Amino acid sequence: MTFISYKHKLTPHKSSASAHKSWDVSNLLLSYNTGFDVEFGVTSPGKEGLDLKDSFFEYSKTADLWQGSCFELFIKIDEKYWEWNFTPSGRSHHYFFEGWRNRISSSVGGAVITGDGGIVKASIDASAYPLLQWYLLNRPKETVVEYQCSCILKVGGEKSYWSSRINPSEDPNFHSPDSFLVL
């Protein structure tokens, strides 16, 4: 089994609420040939962790989870990429794209979510996504696998946008090819 671990301090996008920029947002990505585990931690000066669960309850849809506090994992192989959104309140949604913003499918769920306070953990089983699993197990060595971890935090009516790699655009764009890192 292949195992890779990445830890990042996420960077706020320049359009983020200024009050949030003093926060510390980090993530840990564990990659296996059978799936992914990702953990996000959010702390604020003077607090051990932020309780983000209440920030989502005002928004009840299962898609468009980024309208409230939402954590995201993108896995990109060639031009195809998978996106998982999950919330501190335990909701998740999955999207598959054939190319940049060319969405082919979406479904509710896709991640097992745990955590409390300012910690959110999600586990993704690649066997639920046959094409992704095939790529992880059978890809040629020269095939580049990229990823991106990001989050949108909505607290007190203000939003901040965080990513393992911020692209230079005026608006946060987590789908931008400039936002991905090599896995």
C-alpha atoms as a PDB file:
ATOM      1  CA  MET A   1       0.000   0.000   0.000  1.00  0.00           C
ATOM      2  CA  THR A   2       1.294   3.454  -0.902  1.00  0.00           C
ATOM      3  CA  PHE A   3       1.118   6.024   1.890  1.00  0.00           C
ATOM      4  CA  ILE A   4       1.870   9.746   1.620  1.00  0.00           C
ATOM      5  CA  SER A   5       1.372  12.433   4.278  1.00  0.00           C
ATOM      6  CA  TYR A   6       1.189  16.204   3.714  1.00  0.00           C
ATOM      7  CA  LYS A   7       0.677  18.901   6.319  1.00  0.00           C
ATOM      8  CA  HIS A   8      -0.008  22.518   5.405  1.00  0.00           C
ATOM      9  CA  LYS A   9      -0.804  25.785   7.041  1.00  0.00           C
ATOM     10  CA  LEU A  10      -3.560  27.187   4.861  1.00  0.00           C
ATOM     11  CA  THR A  11      -3.283  30.753   3.604  1.00  0.00           C
ATOM     12  CA  PRO A  12      -6.198  33.218   3.593  1.00  0.00           C
ATOM     13  CA  HIS A  13      -7.193  34.706   0.252  1.00  0.00           C
ATOM     14  CA  LYS A  14      -6.857  38.490   0.058  1.00  0.00           C
ATOM     15  CA  SER A  15     -10.670  38.845  -0.126  1.00  0.00           C
ATOM     16  CA  SER A  16     -11.115  37.160   3.281  1.00  0.00           C
ATOM     17  CA  ALA A  17     -12.707  38.995   6.181  1.00  0.00           C
ATOM     18  CA  SER A  18      -9.915  40.887   7.934  1.00  0.00           C
ATOM     19  CA  ALA A  19     -10.993  39.701  11.403  1.00  0.00           C
ATOM     20  CA  HIS A  20     -10.389  36.093  10.323  1.00  0.00           C
ATOM     21  CA  LYS A  21      -6.842  36.619   9.005  1.00  0.00           C
ATOM     22  CA  SER A  22      -5.333  36.171  12.483  1.00  0.00           C
ATOM     23  CA  TRP A  23      -6.738  32.628  12.652  1.00  0.00           C
ATOM     24  CA  ASP A  24      -4.600  29.568  12.188  1.00  0.00           C
ATOM     25  CA  VAL A  25      -6.020  27.098   9.666  1.00  0.00           C
ATOM     26  CA  SER A  26      -4.119  23.923   8.918  1.00  0.00           C
ATOM     27  CA  ASN A  27      -4.736  20.588   7.307  1.00  0.00           C
ATOM     28  CA  LEU A  28      -3.225  17.151   7.227  1.00  0.00           C
ATOM     29  CA  LEU A  29      -3.773  14.992   4.145  1.00  0.00           C
ATOM     30  CA  LEU A  30      -3.072  11.270   4.268  1.00  0.00           C
ATOM     31  CA  SER A  31      -3.142   9.618   0.867  1.00  0.00           C
ATOM     32  CA  TYR A  32      -3.358   5.872   0.301  1.00  0.00           C
ATOM     33  CA  ASN A  33      -3.918   3.870  -2.839  1.00  0.00           C
ATOM     34  CA  THR A  34      -7.295   3.004  -1.295  1.00  0.00           C
ATOM     35  CA  GLY A  35      -8.449   6.524  -0.405  1.00  0.00           C
ATOM     36  CA  PHE A  36      -7.773   9.686   1.543  1.00  0.00           C
ATOM     37  CA  ASP A  37      -8.037  10.967   5.087  1.00  0.00           C
ATOM     38  CA  VAL A  38      -8.014  14.711   5.569  1.00  0.00           C
ATOM     39  CA  GLU A  39      -8.092  16.726   8.775  1.00  0.00           C
ATOM     40  CA  PHE A  40      -8.636  20.454   9.136  1.00  0.00           C
ATOM     41  CA  GLY A  41      -7.927  22.411  12.302  1.00  0.00           C
ATOM     42  CA  VAL A  42      -9.051  25.976  12.962  1.00  0.00           C
ATOM     43  CA  THR A  43      -7.877  28.049  15.912  1.00  0.00           C
ATOM     44  CA  SER A  44      -8.287  31.689  16.788  1.00  0.00           C
ATOM     45  CA  PRO A  45      -6.064  33.794  19.068  1.00  0.00           C
ATOM     46  CA  GLY A  46      -7.160  33.239  22.663  1.00  0.00           C
ATOM     47  CA  LYS A  47      -9.270  30.179  21.807  1.00  0.00           C
ATOM     48  CA  GLU A  48      -8.237  26.559  21.576  1.00  0.00           C
ATOM     49  CA  GLY A  49     -10.672  25.882  18.743  1.00  0.00           C
ATOM     50  CA  LEU A  50     -13.597  27.524  17.046  1.00  0.00           C
ATOM     51  CA  ASP A  51     -17.015  25.882  17.146  1.00  0.00           C
ATOM     52  CA  LEU A  52     -18.022  26.104  13.517  1.00  0.00           C
ATOM     53  CA  LYS A  53     -21.110  23.886  13.700  1.00  0.00           C
ATOM     54  CA  ASP A  54     -23.563  26.727  14.340  1.00  0.00           C
ATOM     55  CA  SER A  55     -22.279  28.653  11.330  1.00  0.00           C
ATOM     56  CA  PHE A  56     -23.821  26.091   8.998  1.00  0.00           C
ATOM     57  CA  PHE A  57     -27.286  25.561  10.443  1.00  0.00           C
ATOM     58  CA  GLU A  58     -28.693  28.621   8.690  1.00  0.00           C
ATOM     59  CA  TYR A  59     -28.088  26.901   5.356  1.00  0.00           C
ATOM     60  CA  SER A  60     -29.950  23.615   4.926  1.00  0.00           C
ATOM     61  CA  LYS A  61     -29.257  22.446   1.337  1.00  0.00           C
ATOM     62  CA  THR A  62     -27.039  19.420   0.751  1.00  0.00           C
ATOM     63  CA  ALA A  63     -25.390  20.921  -2.357  1.00  0.00           C
ATOM     64  CA  ASP A  64     -23.665  24.316  -2.407  1.00  0.00           C
ATOM     65  CA  LEU A  65     -22.235  23.635   1.030  1.00  0.00           C
ATOM     66  CA  TRP A  66     -19.780  26.509   0.514  1.00  0.00           C
ATOM     67  CA  GLN A  67     -22.590  28.915   1.409  1.00  0.00           C
ATOM     68  CA  GLY A  68     -21.642  28.225   5.046  1.00  0.00           C
ATOM     69  CA  SER A  69     -18.466  26.893   6.640  1.00  0.00           C
ATOM     70  CA  CYS A  70     -17.172  24.200   4.317  1.00  0.00           C
ATOM     71  CA  PHE A  71     -13.962  22.207   3.961  1.00  0.00           C
ATOM     72  CA  GLU A  72     -12.892  20.950   0.543  1.00  0.00           C
ATOM     73  CA  LEU A  73     -10.553  18.357  -0.925  1.00  0.00           C
ATOM     74  CA  PHE A  74      -9.726  18.255  -4.641  1.00  0.00           C
ATOM     75  CA  ILE A  75      -7.851  15.383  -6.306  1.00  0.00           C
ATOM     76  CA  LYS A  76      -6.774  15.976  -9.922  1.00  0.00           C
ATOM     77  CA  ILE A  77      -5.370  13.384 -12.338  1.00  0.00           C
ATOM     78  CA  ASP A  78      -4.658  14.614 -15.849  1.00  0.00           C
ATOM     79  CA  GLU A  79      -7.554  16.985 -16.607  1.00  0.00           C
ATOM     80  CA  LYS A  80     -10.116  15.086 -14.516  1.00  0.00           C
ATOM     81  CA  TYR A  81     -10.725  16.016 -10.898  1.00  0.00           C
ATOM     82  CA  TRP A  82     -12.855  15.039  -7.954  1.00  0.00           C
ATOM     83  CA  GLU A  83     -14.091  17.476  -5.320  1.00  0.00           C
ATOM     84  CA  TRP A  84     -15.466  16.665  -1.885  1.00  0.00           C
ATOM     85  CA  ASN A  85     -17.143  19.282   0.298  1.00  0.00           C
ATOM     86  CA  PHE A  86     -17.859  18.596   3.944  1.00  0.00           C
ATOM     87  CA  THR A  87     -19.151  20.683   6.796  1.00  0.00           C
ATOM     88  CA  PRO A  88     -18.543  20.793  10.540  1.00  0.00           C
ATOM     89  CA  SER A  89     -22.168  19.673  10.990  1.00  0.00           C
ATOM     90  CA  GLY A  90     -21.506  16.390   9.146  1.00  0.00           C
ATOM     91  CA  ARG A  91     -22.879  17.054   5.658  1.00  0.00           C
ATOM     92  CA  SER A  92     -20.905  16.143   2.559  1.00  0.00           C
ATOM     93  CA  HIS A  93     -21.216  16.370  -1.199  1.00  0.00           C
ATOM     94  CA  HIS A  94     -19.074  15.024  -4.038  1.00  0.00           C
ATOM     95  CA  TYR A  95     -18.501  16.342  -7.572  1.00  0.00           C
ATOM     96  CA  PHE A  96     -16.671  14.903 -10.574  1.00  0.00           C
ATOM     97  CA  PHE A  97     -15.273  17.117 -13.353  1.00  0.00           C
ATOM     98  CA  GLU A  98     -13.975  16.031 -16.783  1.00  0.00           C
ATOM     99  CA  GLY A  99     -12.041  19.305 -17.096  1.00  0.00           C
ATOM    100  CA  TRP A 100     -11.848  22.752 -15.529  1.00  0.00           C
ATOM    101  CA  ARG A 101     -15.344  23.474 -14.140  1.00  0.00           C
ATOM    102  CA  ASN A 102     -16.851  20.913 -16.548  1.00  0.00           C
ATOM    103  CA  ARG A 103     -19.010  19.101 -13.990  1.00  0.00           C
ATOM    104  CA  ILE A 104     -20.159  15.654 -15.051  1.00  0.00           C
ATOM    105  CA  SER A 105     -21.803  14.417 -11.864  1.00  0.00           C
ATOM    106  CA  SER A 106     -22.572  15.248  -8.271  1.00  0.00           C
ATOM    107  CA  SER A 107     -23.911  13.286  -5.336  1.00  0.00           C
ATOM    108  CA  VAL A 108     -24.748  13.719  -1.677  1.00  0.00           C
ATOM    109  CA  GLY A 109     -22.266  12.120   0.693  1.00  0.00           C
ATOM    110  CA  GLY A 110     -18.926  10.689  -0.207  1.00  0.00           C
ATOM    111  CA  ALA A 111     -17.072  11.285   3.048  1.00  0.00           C
ATOM    112  CA  VAL A 112     -17.291   9.966   6.600  1.00  0.00           C
ATOM    113  CA  ILE A 113     -16.976  13.042   8.816  1.00  0.00           C
ATOM    114  CA  THR A 114     -15.948  13.236  12.479  1.00  0.00           C
ATOM    115  CA  GLY A 115     -14.576  15.906  14.766  1.00  0.00           C
ATOM    116  CA  ASP A 116     -15.637  18.582  17.184  1.00  0.00           C
ATOM    117  CA  GLY A 117     -14.820  22.173  18.029  1.00  0.00           C
ATOM    118  CA  GLY A 118     -12.257  23.451  15.556  1.00  0.00           C
ATOM    119  CA  ILE A 119     -11.261  19.993  14.228  1.00  0.00           C
ATOM    120  CA  VAL A 120     -12.995  18.369  11.253  1.00  0.00           C
ATOM    121  CA  LYS A 121     -11.880  14.996   9.853  1.00  0.00           C
ATOM    122  CA  ALA A 122     -13.097  13.257   6.713  1.00  0.00           C
ATOM    123  CA  SER A 123     -12.313   9.828   5.271  1.00  0.00           C
ATOM    124  CA  ILE A 124     -12.883   9.086   1.605  1.00  0.00           C
ATOM    125  CA  ASP A 125     -12.897   5.502   0.328  1.00  0.00           C
ATOM    126  CA  ALA A 126     -11.646   5.435  -3.272  1.00  0.00           C
ATOM    127  CA  SER A 127     -13.559   2.215  -3.971  1.00  0.00           C
ATOM    128  CA  ALA A 128     -16.743   4.318  -4.039  1.00  0.00           C
ATOM    129  CA  TYR A 129     -15.276   6.100  -7.086  1.00  0.00           C
ATOM    130  CA  PRO A 130     -14.178   3.389  -9.567  1.00  0.00           C
ATOM    131  CA  LEU A 131     -12.417   5.731 -11.996  1.00  0.00           C
ATOM    132  CA  LEU A 132     -10.457   7.402  -9.187  1.00  0.00           C
ATOM    133  CA  GLN A 133      -9.551   4.039  -7.690  1.00  0.00           C
ATOM    134  CA  TRP A 134      -8.379   2.776 -11.082  1.00  0.00           C
ATOM    135  CA  TYR A 135      -6.125   5.816 -11.493  1.00  0.00           C
ATOM    136  CA  LEU A 136      -4.693   5.447  -7.985  1.00  0.00           C
ATOM    137  CA  LEU A 137      -3.892   1.766  -8.479  1.00  0.00           C
ATOM    138  CA  ASN A 138      -2.945   1.627 -12.180  1.00  0.00           C
ATOM    139  CA  ARG A 139      -1.655   4.988 -13.298  1.00  0.00           C
ATOM    140  CA  PRO A 140       1.662   5.096 -15.126  1.00  0.00           C
ATOM    141  CA  LYS A 141       4.532   6.531 -13.055  1.00  0.00           C
ATOM    142  CA  GLU A 142       4.650   9.654 -15.234  1.00  0.00           C
ATOM    143  CA  THR A 143       1.007  10.525 -14.489  1.00  0.00           C
ATOM    144  CA  VAL A 144       0.868  13.554 -12.216  1.00  0.00           C
ATOM    145  CA  VAL A 145      -1.600  13.475  -9.331  1.00  0.00           C
ATOM    146  CA  GLU A 146      -2.419  16.861  -7.823  1.00  0.00           C
ATOM    147  CA  TYR A 147      -4.456  17.948  -4.841  1.00  0.00           C
ATOM    148  CA  GLN A 148      -5.732  20.997  -3.108  1.00  0.00           C
ATOM    149  CA  CYS A 149      -7.202  21.469   0.350  1.00  0.00           C
ATOM    150  CA  SER A 150      -9.288  24.540   1.003  1.00  0.00           C
ATOM    151  CA  CYS A 151     -11.978  25.867   3.245  1.00  0.00           C
ATOM    152  CA  ILE A 152     -14.542  28.593   3.493  1.00  0.00           C
ATOM    153  CA  LEU A 153     -15.234  29.751   7.026  1.00  0.00           C
ATOM    154  CA  LYS A 154     -18.378  31.695   7.783  1.00  0.00           C
ATOM    155  CA  VAL A 155     -18.452  33.072  11.297  1.00  0.00           C
ATOM    156  CA  GLY A 156     -20.457  36.079  12.453  1.00  0.00           C
ATOM    157  CA  GLY A 157     -21.821  36.603   8.941  1.00  0.00           C
ATOM    158  CA  GLU A 158     -18.330  37.129   7.489  1.00  0.00           C
ATOM    159  CA  LYS A 159     -16.550  34.724   5.156  1.00  0.00           C
ATOM    160  CA  SER A 160     -12.901  33.889   4.784  1.00  0.00           C
ATOM    161  CA  TYR A 161     -11.330  31.707   2.113  1.00  0.00           C
ATOM    162  CA  TRP A 162      -8.298  29.509   2.818  1.00  0.00           C
ATOM    163  CA  SER A 163      -6.222  27.210   0.651  1.00  0.00           C
ATOM    164  CA  SER A 164      -3.051  25.142   0.655  1.00  0.00           C
ATOM    165  CA  ARG A 165      -2.114  27.215  -2.402  1.00  0.00           C
ATOM    166  CA  ILE A 166      -3.751  30.561  -3.142  1.00  0.00           C
ATOM    167  CA  ASN A 167      -4.116  31.536  -6.789  1.00  0.00           C
ATOM    168  CA  PRO A 168      -3.506  35.160  -7.796  1.00  0.00           C
ATOM    169  CA  SER A 169      -7.058  35.957  -8.951  1.00  0.00           C
ATOM    170  CA  GLU A 170      -9.086  38.767  -7.393  1.00  0.00           C
ATOM    171  CA  ASP A 171     -11.788  36.327  -6.287  1.00  0.00           C
ATOM    172  CA  PRO A 172     -11.051  33.017  -4.580  1.00  0.00           C
ATOM    173  CA  ASN A 173     -11.121  30.242  -7.174  1.00  0.00           C
ATOM    174  CA  PHE A 174     -10.319  26.847  -5.706  1.00  0.00           C
ATOM    175  CA  HIS A 175     -10.875  25.190  -9.108  1.00  0.00           C
ATOM    176  CA  SER A 176      -8.050  27.137 -10.750  1.00  0.00           C
ATOM    177  CA  PRO A 177      -5.220  24.928 -12.042  1.00  0.00           C
ATOM    178  CA  ASP A 178      -2.876  27.364 -10.228  1.00  0.00           C
ATOM    179  CA  SER A 179      -4.371  26.218  -6.889  1.00  0.00           C
ATOM    180  CA  PHE A 180      -3.217  22.590  -7.096  1.00  0.00           C
ATOM    181  CA  LEU A 181      -0.066  20.999  -5.641  1.00  0.00           C
ATOM    182  CA  VAL A 182       1.627  17.795  -6.791  1.00  0.00           C
ATOM    183  CA  LEU A 183       0.802  14.812  -4.588  1.00  0.00           C
END
